[in-house]
Amino acid sequence: MFRPTVLFNAAAKAAAMRPTAMSASRIASPIAYRFYSSGGLSQSDIEVRVLDILRGFDKVDANKIALDAHFVKDLGLDSLDTVEVVMAIEEEFSVEIPDKEADDIKTAKQAVEYISHRADAH
């Protein structure tokens, strides 16, 4: 009564184990493919995004925002606000800025220069 099922299962296993020719495209896994961007971020794109971050802060007068504007002296931000600006830049560009380097970022221009040298920023 169960014999045809046993024979069918044995035939199915044998067929599954039989070697078959595969093309190279079927062998490569999807993980093997690498996706490239179109060349990274442009300087002007970074500038626009950094200045937009500054415009998002209530304490900053929009008329004073410029690439060379110092966060504390020109924009009136305190040290805690400056940390928040750097954290917003980290979030915007999906990067982590080490504390030592974050302390050196005092203007939007310095932030733009830093981000433009980061290959992992996007």
PDB file of N, CA and C in Angstrom:
ATOM      1  N   MET A   1       0.811  -1.192   0.000  1.00  0.00           N
ATOM      2  CA  MET A   1       0.000   0.000   0.000  1.00  0.00           C
ATOM      3  C   MET A   1       0.861   1.265   0.000  1.00  0.00           C
ATOM      4  N   PHE A   2       1.932   1.298   0.758  1.00  0.00           N
ATOM      5  CA  PHE A   2       2.767   2.490   0.829  1.00  0.00           C
ATOM      6  C   PHE A   2       3.964   2.428  -0.108  1.00  0.00           C
ATOM      7  N   ARG A   3       4.119   1.334  -0.788  1.00  0.00           N
ATOM      8  CA  ARG A   3       5.289   1.138  -1.627  1.00  0.00           C
ATOM      9  C   ARG A   3       5.424   2.188  -2.733  1.00  0.00           C
ATOM     10  N   PRO A   4       4.396   2.585  -3.485  1.00  0.00           N
ATOM     11  CA  PRO A   4       4.555   3.606  -4.521  1.00  0.00           C
ATOM     12  C   PRO A   4       5.041   4.946  -3.944  1.00  0.00           C
ATOM     13  N   THR A   5       4.617   5.268  -2.758  1.00  0.00           N
ATOM     14  CA  THR A   5       5.056   6.515  -2.129  1.00  0.00           C
ATOM     15  C   THR A   5       6.539   6.467  -1.815  1.00  0.00           C
ATOM     16  N   VAL A   6       7.005   5.327  -1.312  1.00  0.00           N
ATOM     17  CA  VAL A   6       8.417   5.165  -0.996  1.00  0.00           C
ATOM     18  C   VAL A   6       9.251   5.270  -2.261  1.00  0.00           C
ATOM     19  N   LEU A   7       8.800   4.623  -3.336  1.00  0.00           N
ATOM     20  CA  LEU A   7       9.530   4.702  -4.596  1.00  0.00           C
ATOM     21  C   LEU A   7       9.535   6.122  -5.152  1.00  0.00           C
ATOM     22  N   PHE A   8       8.418   6.819  -5.040  1.00  0.00           N
ATOM     23  CA  PHE A   8       8.334   8.195  -5.527  1.00  0.00           C
ATOM     24  C   PHE A   8       9.280   9.101  -4.740  1.00  0.00           C
ATOM     25  N   ASN A   9       9.317   8.950  -3.424  1.00  0.00           N
ATOM     26  CA  ASN A   9      10.213   9.753  -2.590  1.00  0.00           C
ATOM     27  C   ASN A   9      11.671   9.468  -2.922  1.00  0.00           C
ATOM     28  N   ALA A  10      12.016   8.216  -3.157  1.00  0.00           N
ATOM     29  CA  ALA A  10      13.385   7.855  -3.503  1.00  0.00           C
ATOM     30  C   ALA A  10      13.769   8.457  -4.849  1.00  0.00           C
ATOM     31  N   ALA A  11      12.854   8.432  -5.810  1.00  0.00           N
ATOM     32  CA  ALA A  11      13.130   9.015  -7.124  1.00  0.00           C
ATOM     33  C   ALA A  11      13.281  10.528  -7.025  1.00  0.00           C
ATOM     34  N   ALA A  12      12.468  11.160  -6.194  1.00  0.00           N
ATOM     35  CA  ALA A  12      12.547  12.614  -6.025  1.00  0.00           C
ATOM     36  C   ALA A  12      13.870  13.010  -5.384  1.00  0.00           C
ATOM     37  N   LYS A  13      14.318  12.234  -4.397  1.00  0.00           N
ATOM     38  CA  LYS A  13      15.598  12.525  -3.746  1.00  0.00           C
ATOM     39  C   LYS A  13      16.753  12.347  -4.722  1.00  0.00           C
ATOM     40  N   ALA A  14      16.705  11.319  -5.533  1.00  0.00           N
ATOM     41  CA  ALA A  14      17.767  11.076  -6.504  1.00  0.00           C
ATOM     42  C   ALA A  14      17.826  12.197  -7.531  1.00  0.00           C
ATOM     43  N   ALA A  15      16.669  12.676  -7.961  1.00  0.00           N
ATOM     44  CA  ALA A  15      16.638  13.764  -8.940  1.00  0.00           C
ATOM     45  C   ALA A  15      17.165  15.054  -8.331  1.00  0.00           C
ATOM     46  N   ALA A  16      16.879  15.269  -7.072  1.00  0.00           N
ATOM     47  CA  ALA A  16      17.347  16.482  -6.405  1.00  0.00           C
ATOM     48  C   ALA A  16      18.851  16.458  -6.205  1.00  0.00           C
ATOM     49  N   MET A  17      19.429  15.291  -6.047  1.00  0.00           N
ATOM     50  CA  MET A  17      20.858  15.168  -5.800  1.00  0.00           C
ATOM     51  C   MET A  17      21.677  15.113  -7.084  1.00  0.00           C
ATOM     52  N   ARG A  18      21.028  14.984  -8.242  1.00  0.00           N
ATOM     53  CA  ARG A  18      21.714  14.873  -9.517  1.00  0.00           C
ATOM     54  C   ARG A  18      22.376  16.212  -9.852  1.00  0.00           C
ATOM     55  N   PRO A  19      23.668  16.202 -10.216  1.00  0.00           N
ATOM     56  CA  PRO A  19      24.329  17.460 -10.569  1.00  0.00           C
ATOM     57  C   PRO A  19      23.768  18.038 -11.867  1.00  0.00           C
ATOM     58  N   THR A  20      23.616  19.336 -11.895  1.00  0.00           N
ATOM     59  CA  THR A  20      23.127  20.013 -13.095  1.00  0.00           C
ATOM     60  C   THR A  20      24.049  21.174 -13.410  1.00  0.00           C
ATOM     61  N   ALA A  21      24.097  21.530 -14.665  1.00  0.00           N
ATOM     62  CA  ALA A  21      24.920  22.665 -15.078  1.00  0.00           C
ATOM     63  C   ALA A  21      24.193  23.961 -14.724  1.00  0.00           C
ATOM     64  N   MET A  22      24.936  24.902 -14.152  1.00  0.00           N
ATOM     65  CA  MET A  22      24.353  26.196 -13.796  1.00  0.00           C
ATOM     66  C   MET A  22      25.157  27.293 -14.476  1.00  0.00           C
ATOM     67  N   SER A  23      24.472  28.301 -14.882  1.00  0.00           N
ATOM     68  CA  SER A  23      25.185  29.429 -15.470  1.00  0.00           C
ATOM     69  C   SER A  23      25.816  30.249 -14.351  1.00  0.00           C
ATOM     70  N   ALA A  24      26.797  31.046 -14.692  1.00  0.00           N
ATOM     71  CA  ALA A  24      27.506  31.852 -13.698  1.00  0.00           C
ATOM     72  C   ALA A  24      26.578  32.850 -13.021  1.00  0.00           C
ATOM     73  N   SER A  25      25.590  33.341 -13.741  1.00  0.00           N
ATOM     74  CA  SER A  25      24.686  34.322 -13.144  1.00  0.00           C
ATOM     75  C   SER A  25      23.812  33.701 -12.063  1.00  0.00           C
ATOM     76  N   ARG A  26      23.533  32.418 -12.167  1.00  0.00           N
ATOM     77  CA  ARG A  26      22.720  31.755 -11.147  1.00  0.00           C
ATOM     78  C   ARG A  26      23.555  31.368  -9.944  1.00  0.00           C
ATOM     79  N   ILE A  27      24.854  31.218 -10.119  1.00  0.00           N
ATOM     80  CA  ILE A  27      25.716  30.815  -9.015  1.00  0.00           C
ATOM     81  C   ILE A  27      25.972  31.986  -8.073  1.00  0.00           C
ATOM     82  N   ALA A  28      26.162  33.160  -8.609  1.00  0.00           N
ATOM     83  CA  ALA A  28      26.472  34.326  -7.781  1.00  0.00           C
ATOM     84  C   ALA A  28      25.280  34.682  -6.908  1.00  0.00           C
ATOM     85  N   SER A  29      25.554  34.886  -5.660  1.00  0.00           N
ATOM     86  CA  SER A  29      24.467  35.253  -4.751  1.00  0.00           C
ATOM     87  C   SER A  29      24.222  36.756  -4.839  1.00  0.00           C
ATOM     88  N   PRO A  30      23.044  37.208  -4.441  1.00  0.00           N
ATOM     89  CA  PRO A  30      22.753  38.643  -4.486  1.00  0.00           C
ATOM     90  C   PRO A  30      23.677  39.449  -3.588  1.00  0.00           C
ATOM     91  N   ILE A  31      24.252  38.815  -2.593  1.00  0.00           N
ATOM     92  CA  ILE A  31      25.147  39.517  -1.680  1.00  0.00           C
ATOM     93  C   ILE A  31      26.437  39.911  -2.390  1.00  0.00           C
ATOM     94  N   ALA A  32      26.792  39.199  -3.429  1.00  0.00           N
ATOM     95  CA  ALA A  32      28.033  39.466  -4.131  1.00  0.00           C
ATOM     96  C   ALA A  32      27.985  40.762  -4.929  1.00  0.00           C
ATOM     97  N   TYR A  33      26.819  41.303  -5.150  1.00  0.00           N
ATOM     98  CA  TYR A  33      26.709  42.529  -5.919  1.00  0.00           C
ATOM     99  C   TYR A  33      26.943  43.733  -5.029  1.00  0.00           C
ATOM    100  N   ARG A  34      27.599  44.752  -5.552  1.00  0.00           N
ATOM    101  CA  ARG A  34      27.847  45.969  -4.796  1.00  0.00           C
ATOM    102  C   ARG A  34      27.121  47.110  -5.465  1.00  0.00           C
ATOM    103  N   PHE A  35      26.513  47.933  -4.675  1.00  0.00           N
ATOM    104  CA  PHE A  35      25.782  49.070  -5.194  1.00  0.00           C
ATOM    105  C   PHE A  35      26.620  50.330  -5.000  1.00  0.00           C
ATOM    106  N   TYR A  36      26.759  51.108  -6.048  1.00  0.00           N
ATOM    107  CA  TYR A  36      27.550  52.318  -6.003  1.00  0.00           C
ATOM    108  C   TYR A  36      26.644  53.529  -6.140  1.00  0.00           C
ATOM    109  N   SER A  37      27.039  54.599  -5.462  1.00  0.00           N
ATOM    110  CA  SER A  37      26.302  55.848  -5.632  1.00  0.00           C
ATOM    111  C   SER A  37      26.867  56.569  -6.839  1.00  0.00           C
ATOM    112  N   SER A  38      26.291  57.678  -7.157  1.00  0.00           N
ATOM    113  CA  SER A  38      26.696  58.396  -8.363  1.00  0.00           C
ATOM    114  C   SER A  38      27.901  59.296  -8.128  1.00  0.00           C
ATOM    115  N   GLY A  39      28.714  59.037  -7.148  1.00  0.00           N
ATOM    116  CA  GLY A  39      29.917  59.820  -6.959  1.00  0.00           C
ATOM    117  C   GLY A  39      29.942  60.569  -5.648  1.00  0.00           C
ATOM    118  N   GLY A  40      29.061  60.297  -4.751  1.00  0.00           N
ATOM    119  CA  GLY A  40      29.093  60.948  -3.455  1.00  0.00           C
ATOM    120  C   GLY A  40      28.359  62.274  -3.444  1.00  0.00           C
ATOM    121  N   LEU A  41      28.566  63.003  -2.371  1.00  0.00           N
ATOM    122  CA  LEU A  41      27.885  64.277  -2.169  1.00  0.00           C
ATOM    123  C   LEU A  41      28.675  65.411  -2.801  1.00  0.00           C
ATOM    124  N   SER A  42      27.974  66.322  -3.417  1.00  0.00           N
ATOM    125  CA  SER A  42      28.648  67.497  -3.960  1.00  0.00           C
ATOM    126  C   SER A  42      28.802  68.534  -2.856  1.00  0.00           C
ATOM    127  N   GLN A  43      29.758  69.409  -3.021  1.00  0.00           N
ATOM    128  CA  GLN A  43      30.024  70.468  -2.045  1.00  0.00           C
ATOM    129  C   GLN A  43      28.783  71.335  -1.841  1.00  0.00           C
ATOM    130  N   SER A  44      28.103  71.670  -2.917  1.00  0.00           N
ATOM    131  CA  SER A  44      26.925  72.537  -2.802  1.00  0.00           C
ATOM    132  C   SER A  44      25.780  71.830  -2.081  1.00  0.00           C
ATOM    133  N   ASP A  45      25.614  70.526  -2.300  1.00  0.00           N
ATOM    134  CA  ASP A  45      24.580  69.769  -1.583  1.00  0.00           C
ATOM    135  C   ASP A  45      24.852  69.762  -0.080  1.00  0.00           C
ATOM    136  N   ILE A  46      26.108  69.564   0.278  1.00  0.00           N
ATOM    137  CA  ILE A  46      26.480  69.561   1.696  1.00  0.00           C
ATOM    138  C   ILE A  46      26.220  70.932   2.307  1.00  0.00           C
ATOM    139  N   GLU A  47      26.606  71.993   1.589  1.00  0.00           N
ATOM    140  CA  GLU A  47      26.396  73.353   2.094  1.00  0.00           C
ATOM    141  C   GLU A  47      24.921  73.620   2.357  1.00  0.00           C
ATOM    142  N   VAL A  48      24.075  73.266   1.405  1.00  0.00           N
ATOM    143  CA  VAL A  48      22.632  73.501   1.548  1.00  0.00           C
ATOM    144  C   VAL A  48      22.092  72.750   2.759  1.00  0.00           C
ATOM    145  N   ARG A  49      22.484  71.511   2.915  1.00  0.00           N
ATOM    146  CA  ARG A  49      21.967  70.702   4.019  1.00  0.00           C
ATOM    147  C   ARG A  49      22.450  71.205   5.374  1.00  0.00           C
ATOM    148  N   VAL A  50      23.714  71.635   5.470  1.00  0.00           N
ATOM    149  CA  VAL A  50      24.231  72.165   6.737  1.00  0.00           C
ATOM    150  C   VAL A  50      23.534  73.477   7.081  1.00  0.00           C
ATOM    151  N   LEU A  51      23.366  74.351   6.097  1.00  0.00           N
ATOM    152  CA  LEU A  51      22.680  75.622   6.359  1.00  0.00           C
ATOM    153  C   LEU A  51      21.213  75.387   6.727  1.00  0.00           C
ATOM    154  N   ASP A  52      20.585  74.393   6.139  1.00  0.00           N
ATOM    155  CA  ASP A  52      19.204  74.045   6.511  1.00  0.00           C
ATOM    156  C   ASP A  52      19.123  73.565   7.957  1.00  0.00           C
ATOM    157  N   ILE A  53      20.140  72.848   8.402  1.00  0.00           N
ATOM    158  CA  ILE A  53      20.179  72.414   9.804  1.00  0.00           C
ATOM    159  C   ILE A  53      20.206  73.631  10.717  1.00  0.00           C
ATOM    160  N   LEU A  54      21.040  74.610  10.376  1.00  0.00           N
ATOM    161  CA  LEU A  54      21.126  75.825  11.196  1.00  0.00           C
ATOM    162  C   LEU A  54      19.808  76.595  11.189  1.00  0.00           C
ATOM    163  N   ARG A  55      19.134  76.618  10.054  1.00  0.00           N
ATOM    164  CA  ARG A  55      17.839  77.310   9.974  1.00  0.00           C
ATOM    165  C   ARG A  55      16.786  76.641  10.857  1.00  0.00           C
ATOM    166  N   GLY A  56      16.983  75.384  11.162  1.00  0.00           N
ATOM    167  CA  GLY A  56      16.041  74.652  11.994  1.00  0.00           C
ATOM    168  C   GLY A  56      16.138  74.966  13.477  1.00  0.00           C
ATOM    169  N   PHE A  57      17.165  75.696  13.885  1.00  0.00           N
ATOM    170  CA  PHE A  57      17.329  76.049  15.293  1.00  0.00           C
ATOM    171  C   PHE A  57      16.640  77.379  15.572  1.00  0.00           C
ATOM    172  N   ASP A  58      15.769  77.385  16.594  1.00  0.00           N
ATOM    173  CA  ASP A  58      15.006  78.586  16.933  1.00  0.00           C
ATOM    174  C   ASP A  58      15.891  79.739  17.391  1.00  0.00           C
ATOM    175  N   LYS A  59      17.009  79.433  18.032  1.00  0.00           N
ATOM    176  CA  LYS A  59      17.888  80.479  18.564  1.00  0.00           C
ATOM    177  C   LYS A  59      18.660  81.222  17.481  1.00  0.00           C
ATOM    178  N   VAL A  60      18.702  80.673  16.293  1.00  0.00           N
ATOM    179  CA  VAL A  60      19.514  81.255  15.220  1.00  0.00           C
ATOM    180  C   VAL A  60      18.670  82.215  14.392  1.00  0.00           C
ATOM    181  N   ASP A  61      19.193  83.438  14.222  1.00  0.00           N
ATOM    182  CA  ASP A  61      18.555  84.424  13.353  1.00  0.00           C
ATOM    183  C   ASP A  61      18.873  84.042  11.907  1.00  0.00           C
ATOM    184  N   ALA A  62      17.841  83.792  11.124  1.00  0.00           N
ATOM    185  CA  ALA A  62      18.022  83.328   9.742  1.00  0.00           C
ATOM    186  C   ALA A  62      18.817  84.316   8.899  1.00  0.00           C
ATOM    187  N   ASN A  63      18.763  85.600   9.231  1.00  0.00           N
ATOM    188  CA  ASN A  63      19.500  86.611   8.466  1.00  0.00           C
ATOM    189  C   ASN A  63      21.001  86.545   8.709  1.00  0.00           C
ATOM    190  N   LYS A  64      21.418  85.935   9.802  1.00  0.00           N
ATOM    191  CA  LYS A  64      22.842  85.867  10.143  1.00  0.00           C
ATOM    192  C   LYS A  64      23.506  84.578   9.662  1.00  0.00           C
ATOM    193  N   ILE A  65      22.716  83.666   9.145  1.00  0.00           N
ATOM    194  CA  ILE A  65      23.273  82.373   8.730  1.00  0.00           C
ATOM    195  C   ILE A  65      24.114  82.546   7.472  1.00  0.00           C
ATOM    196  N   ALA A  66      25.354  82.088   7.570  1.00  0.00           N
ATOM    197  CA  ALA A  66      26.294  82.097   6.445  1.00  0.00           C
ATOM    198  C   ALA A  66      27.313  80.990   6.688  1.00  0.00           C
ATOM    199  N   LEU A  67      28.011  80.604   5.654  1.00  0.00           N
ATOM    200  CA  LEU A  67      29.004  79.543   5.807  1.00  0.00           C
ATOM    201  C   LEU A  67      30.108  79.931   6.785  1.00  0.00           C
ATOM    202  N   ASP A  68      30.509  81.200   6.775  1.00  0.00           N
ATOM    203  CA  ASP A  68      31.603  81.648   7.639  1.00  0.00           C
ATOM    204  C   ASP A  68      31.140  82.103   9.014  1.00  0.00           C
ATOM    205  N   ALA A  69      29.843  82.074   9.283  1.00  0.00           N
ATOM    206  CA  ALA A  69      29.327  82.537  10.571  1.00  0.00           C
ATOM    207  C   ALA A  69      29.750  81.575  11.684  1.00  0.00           C
ATOM    208  N   HIS A  70      30.376  82.136  12.712  1.00  0.00           N
ATOM    209  CA  HIS A  70      30.807  81.366  13.880  1.00  0.00           C
ATOM    210  C   HIS A  70      29.572  81.028  14.709  1.00  0.00           C
ATOM    211  N   PHE A  71      29.477  79.776  15.145  1.00  0.00           N
ATOM    212  CA  PHE A  71      28.289  79.344  15.876  1.00  0.00           C
ATOM    213  C   PHE A  71      28.049  80.175  17.136  1.00  0.00           C
ATOM    214  N   VAL A  72      29.101  80.482  17.889  1.00  0.00           N
ATOM    215  CA  VAL A  72      28.956  81.204  19.153  1.00  0.00           C
ATOM    216  C   VAL A  72      28.984  82.710  18.933  1.00  0.00           C
ATOM    217  N   LYS A  73      30.020  83.211  18.267  1.00  0.00           N
ATOM    218  CA  LYS A  73      30.218  84.660  18.126  1.00  0.00           C
ATOM    219  C   LYS A  73      29.184  85.318  17.218  1.00  0.00           C
ATOM    220  N   ASP A  74      28.876  84.695  16.095  1.00  0.00           N
ATOM    221  CA  ASP A  74      27.983  85.321  15.113  1.00  0.00           C
ATOM    222  C   ASP A  74      26.524  84.887  15.250  1.00  0.00           C
ATOM    223  N   LEU A  75      26.304  83.622  15.580  1.00  0.00           N
ATOM    224  CA  LEU A  75      24.937  83.110  15.622  1.00  0.00           C
ATOM    225  C   LEU A  75      24.345  83.093  17.030  1.00  0.00           C
ATOM    226  N   GLY A  76      25.168  83.361  18.033  1.00  0.00           N
ATOM    227  CA  GLY A  76      24.672  83.457  19.402  1.00  0.00           C
ATOM    228  C   GLY A  76      24.353  82.131  20.072  1.00  0.00           C
ATOM    229  N   LEU A  77      24.920  81.058  19.576  1.00  0.00           N
ATOM    230  CA  LEU A  77      24.695  79.750  20.189  1.00  0.00           C
ATOM    231  C   LEU A  77      25.666  79.550  21.347  1.00  0.00           C
ATOM    232  N   ASP A  78      25.223  78.829  22.379  1.00  0.00           N
ATOM    233  CA  ASP A  78      26.146  78.492  23.459  1.00  0.00           C
ATOM    234  C   ASP A  78      26.783  77.134  23.164  1.00  0.00           C
ATOM    235  N   SER A  79      27.634  76.674  24.070  1.00  0.00           N
ATOM    236  CA  SER A  79      28.374  75.429  23.813  1.00  0.00           C
ATOM    237  C   SER A  79      27.442  74.225  23.696  1.00  0.00           C
ATOM    238  N   LEU A  80      26.369  74.209  24.470  1.00  0.00           N
ATOM    239  CA  LEU A  80      25.414  73.104  24.380  1.00  0.00           C
ATOM    240  C   LEU A  80      24.678  73.119  23.040  1.00  0.00           C
ATOM    241  N   ASP A  81      24.339  74.320  22.571  1.00  0.00           N
ATOM    242  CA  ASP A  81      23.698  74.440  21.257  1.00  0.00           C
ATOM    243  C   ASP A  81      24.633  73.964  20.148  1.00  0.00           C
ATOM    244  N   THR A  82      25.909  74.282  20.299  1.00  0.00           N
ATOM    245  CA  THR A  82      26.895  73.857  19.303  1.00  0.00           C
ATOM    246  C   THR A  82      26.973  72.332  19.245  1.00  0.00           C
ATOM    247  N   VAL A  83      26.913  71.694  20.404  1.00  0.00           N
ATOM    248  CA  VAL A  83      26.905  70.225  20.442  1.00  0.00           C
ATOM    249  C   VAL A  83      25.662  69.697  19.733  1.00  0.00           C
ATOM    250  N   GLU A  84      24.525  70.348  19.944  1.00  0.00           N
ATOM    251  CA  GLU A  84      23.289  69.926  19.281  1.00  0.00           C
ATOM    252  C   GLU A  84      23.381  70.095  17.766  1.00  0.00           C
ATOM    253  N   VAL A  85      24.037  71.164  17.319  1.00  0.00           N
ATOM    254  CA  VAL A  85      24.224  71.375  15.879  1.00  0.00           C
ATOM    255  C   VAL A  85      25.064  70.238  15.296  1.00  0.00           C
ATOM    256  N   VAL A  86      26.154  69.908  15.971  1.00  0.00           N
ATOM    257  CA  VAL A  86      27.026  68.833  15.481  1.00  0.00           C
ATOM    258  C   VAL A  86      26.275  67.500  15.484  1.00  0.00           C
ATOM    259  N   MET A  87      25.472  67.261  16.505  1.00  0.00           N
ATOM    260  CA  MET A  87      24.681  66.024  16.542  1.00  0.00           C
ATOM    261  C   MET A  87      23.664  65.991  15.405  1.00  0.00           C
ATOM    262  N   ALA A  88      23.074  67.134  15.088  1.00  0.00           N
ATOM    263  CA  ALA A  88      22.128  67.196  13.968  1.00  0.00           C
ATOM    264  C   ALA A  88      22.843  66.930  12.648  1.00  0.00           C
ATOM    265  N   ILE A  89      24.070  67.417  12.527  1.00  0.00           N
ATOM    266  CA  ILE A  89      24.869  67.164  11.318  1.00  0.00           C
ATOM    267  C   ILE A  89      25.189  65.671  11.220  1.00  0.00           C
ATOM    268  N   GLU A  90      25.551  65.063  12.343  1.00  0.00           N
ATOM    269  CA  GLU A  90      25.815  63.618  12.352  1.00  0.00           C
ATOM    270  C   GLU A  90      24.591  62.841  11.876  1.00  0.00           C
ATOM    271  N   GLU A  91      23.442  63.220  12.384  1.00  0.00           N
ATOM    272  CA  GLU A  91      22.210  62.517  12.011  1.00  0.00           C
ATOM    273  C   GLU A  91      21.852  62.749  10.547  1.00  0.00           C
ATOM    274  N   GLU A  92      22.015  63.979  10.085  1.00  0.00           N
ATOM    275  CA  GLU A  92      21.665  64.317   8.701  1.00  0.00           C
ATOM    276  C   GLU A  92      22.502  63.530   7.697  1.00  0.00           C
ATOM    277  N   PHE A  93      23.795  63.373   7.994  1.00  0.00           N
ATOM    278  CA  PHE A  93      24.704  62.737   7.045  1.00  0.00           C
ATOM    279  C   PHE A  93      25.051  61.292   7.423  1.00  0.00           C
ATOM    280  N   SER A  94      24.418  60.769   8.462  1.00  0.00           N
ATOM    281  CA  SER A  94      24.622  59.381   8.912  1.00  0.00           C
ATOM    282  C   SER A  94      26.088  59.070   9.181  1.00  0.00           C
ATOM    283  N   VAL A  95      26.737  59.958   9.921  1.00  0.00           N
ATOM    284  CA  VAL A  95      28.129  59.751  10.306  1.00  0.00           C
ATOM    285  C   VAL A  95      28.261  59.969  11.808  1.00  0.00           C
ATOM    286  N   GLU A  96      29.344  59.472  12.357  1.00  0.00           N
ATOM    287  CA  GLU A  96      29.669  59.741  13.748  1.00  0.00           C
ATOM    288  C   GLU A  96      30.941  60.568  13.769  1.00  0.00           C
ATOM    289  N   ILE A  97      30.862  61.737  14.381  1.00  0.00           N
ATOM    290  CA  ILE A  97      32.005  62.637  14.455  1.00  0.00           C
ATOM    291  C   ILE A  97      32.629  62.473  15.835  1.00  0.00           C
ATOM    292  N   PRO A  98      33.892  62.060  15.901  1.00  0.00           N
ATOM    293  CA  PRO A  98      34.551  61.916  17.201  1.00  0.00           C
ATOM    294  C   PRO A  98      34.574  63.253  17.952  1.00  0.00           C
ATOM    295  N   ASP A  99      34.539  63.178  19.282  1.00  0.00           N
ATOM    296  CA  ASP A  99      34.463  64.386  20.109  1.00  0.00           C
ATOM    297  C   ASP A  99      35.585  65.371  19.813  1.00  0.00           C
ATOM    298  N   LYS A 100      36.790  64.868  19.630  1.00  0.00           N
ATOM    299  CA  LYS A 100      37.932  65.755  19.371  1.00  0.00           C
ATOM    300  C   LYS A 100      37.715  66.561  18.091  1.00  0.00           C
ATOM    301  N   GLU A 101      37.218  65.906  17.061  1.00  0.00           N
ATOM    302  CA  GLU A 101      36.972  66.591  15.792  1.00  0.00           C
ATOM    303  C   GLU A 101      35.726  67.459  15.867  1.00  0.00           C
ATOM    304  N   ALA A 102      34.737  67.034  16.648  1.00  0.00           N
ATOM    305  CA  ALA A 102      33.516  67.829  16.805  1.00  0.00           C
ATOM    306  C   ALA A 102      33.822  69.153  17.493  1.00  0.00           C
ATOM    307  N   ASP A 103      34.776  69.148  18.425  1.00  0.00           N
ATOM    308  CA  ASP A 103      35.158  70.380  19.120  1.00  0.00           C
ATOM    309  C   ASP A 103      35.791  71.392  18.179  1.00  0.00           C
ATOM    310  N   ASP A 104      36.353  70.929  17.072  1.00  0.00           N
ATOM    311  CA  ASP A 104      37.003  71.826  16.109  1.00  0.00           C
ATOM    312  C   ASP A 104      36.022  72.431  15.112  1.00  0.00           C
ATOM    313  N   ILE A 105      34.794  71.959  15.085  1.00  0.00           N
ATOM    314  CA  ILE A 105      33.796  72.489  14.145  1.00  0.00           C
ATOM    315  C   ILE A 105      33.103  73.676  14.797  1.00  0.00           C
ATOM    316  N   LYS A 106      33.440  74.870  14.329  1.00  0.00           N
ATOM    317  CA  LYS A 106      32.904  76.112  14.904  1.00  0.00           C
ATOM    318  C   LYS A 106      32.070  76.913  13.915  1.00  0.00           C
ATOM    319  N   THR A 107      32.139  76.548  12.628  1.00  0.00           N
ATOM    320  CA  THR A 107      31.376  77.254  11.595  1.00  0.00           C
ATOM    321  C   THR A 107      30.746  76.230  10.654  1.00  0.00           C
ATOM    322  N   ALA A 108      29.790  76.695   9.884  1.00  0.00           N
ATOM    323  CA  ALA A 108      29.162  75.821   8.893  1.00  0.00           C
ATOM    324  C   ALA A 108      30.186  75.394   7.844  1.00  0.00           C
ATOM    325  N   LYS A 109      31.095  76.298   7.505  1.00  0.00           N
ATOM    326  CA  LYS A 109      32.121  75.983   6.510  1.00  0.00           C
ATOM    327  C   LYS A 109      33.012  74.839   6.988  1.00  0.00           C
ATOM    328  N   GLN A 110      33.378  74.853   8.267  1.00  0.00           N
ATOM    329  CA  GLN A 110      34.192  73.767   8.814  1.00  0.00           C
ATOM    330  C   GLN A 110      33.417  72.451   8.805  1.00  0.00           C
ATOM    331  N   ALA A 111      32.125  72.519   9.077  1.00  0.00           N
ATOM    332  CA  ALA A 111      31.290  71.315   9.030  1.00  0.00           C
ATOM    333  C   ALA A 111      31.222  70.768   7.608  1.00  0.00           C
ATOM    334  N   VAL A 112      31.062  71.661   6.644  1.00  0.00           N
ATOM    335  CA  VAL A 112      30.997  71.249   5.234  1.00  0.00           C
ATOM    336  C   VAL A 112      32.308  70.594   4.816  1.00  0.00           C
ATOM    337  N   GLU A 113      33.426  71.188   5.201  1.00  0.00           N
ATOM    338  CA  GLU A 113      34.732  70.616   4.858  1.00  0.00           C
ATOM    339  C   GLU A 113      34.902  69.236   5.484  1.00  0.00           C
ATOM    340  N   TYR A 114      34.481  69.103   6.731  1.00  0.00           N
ATOM    341  CA  TYR A 114      34.607  67.807   7.405  1.00  0.00           C
ATOM    342  C   TYR A 114      33.764  66.744   6.702  1.00  0.00           C
ATOM    343  N   ILE A 115      32.510  67.064   6.426  1.00  0.00           N
ATOM    344  CA  ILE A 115      31.609  66.097   5.786  1.00  0.00           C
ATOM    345  C   ILE A 115      32.096  65.747   4.386  1.00  0.00           C
ATOM    346  N   SER A 116      32.630  66.716   3.657  1.00  0.00           N
ATOM    347  CA  SER A 116      33.077  66.453   2.284  1.00  0.00           C
ATOM    348  C   SER A 116      34.263  65.489   2.241  1.00  0.00           C
ATOM    349  N   HIS A 117      35.002  65.377   3.340  1.00  0.00           N
ATOM    350  CA  HIS A 117      36.133  64.454   3.386  1.00  0.00           C
ATOM    351  C   HIS A 117      35.748  63.072   3.920  1.00  0.00           C
ATOM    352  N   ARG A 118      34.505  62.912   4.304  1.00  0.00           N
ATOM    353  CA  ARG A 118      34.036  61.621   4.808  1.00  0.00           C
ATOM    354  C   ARG A 118      33.405  60.831   3.667  1.00  0.00           C
ATOM    355  N   ALA A 119      34.011  59.718   3.323  1.00  0.00           N
ATOM    356  CA  ALA A 119      33.495  58.883   2.231  1.00  0.00           C
ATOM    357  C   ALA A 119      32.197  58.179   2.617  1.00  0.00           C
ATOM    358  N   ASP A 120      31.977  58.017   3.919  1.00  0.00           N
ATOM    359  CA  ASP A 120      30.782  57.295   4.363  1.00  0.00           C
ATOM    360  C   ASP A 120      29.578  58.199   4.591  1.00  0.00           C
ATOM    361  N   ALA A 121      29.725  59.493   4.346  1.00  0.00           N
ATOM    362  CA  ALA A 121      28.606  60.425   4.529  1.00  0.00           C
ATOM    363  C   ALA A 121      27.639  60.298   3.363  1.00  0.00           C
ATOM    364  N   HIS A 122      26.354  60.355   3.685  1.00  0.00           N
ATOM    365  CA  HIS A 122      25.343  60.316   2.633  1.00  0.00           C
ATOM    366  C   HIS A 122      24.093  61.042   3.076  1.00  0.00           C
TER     367      HIS A 122
END
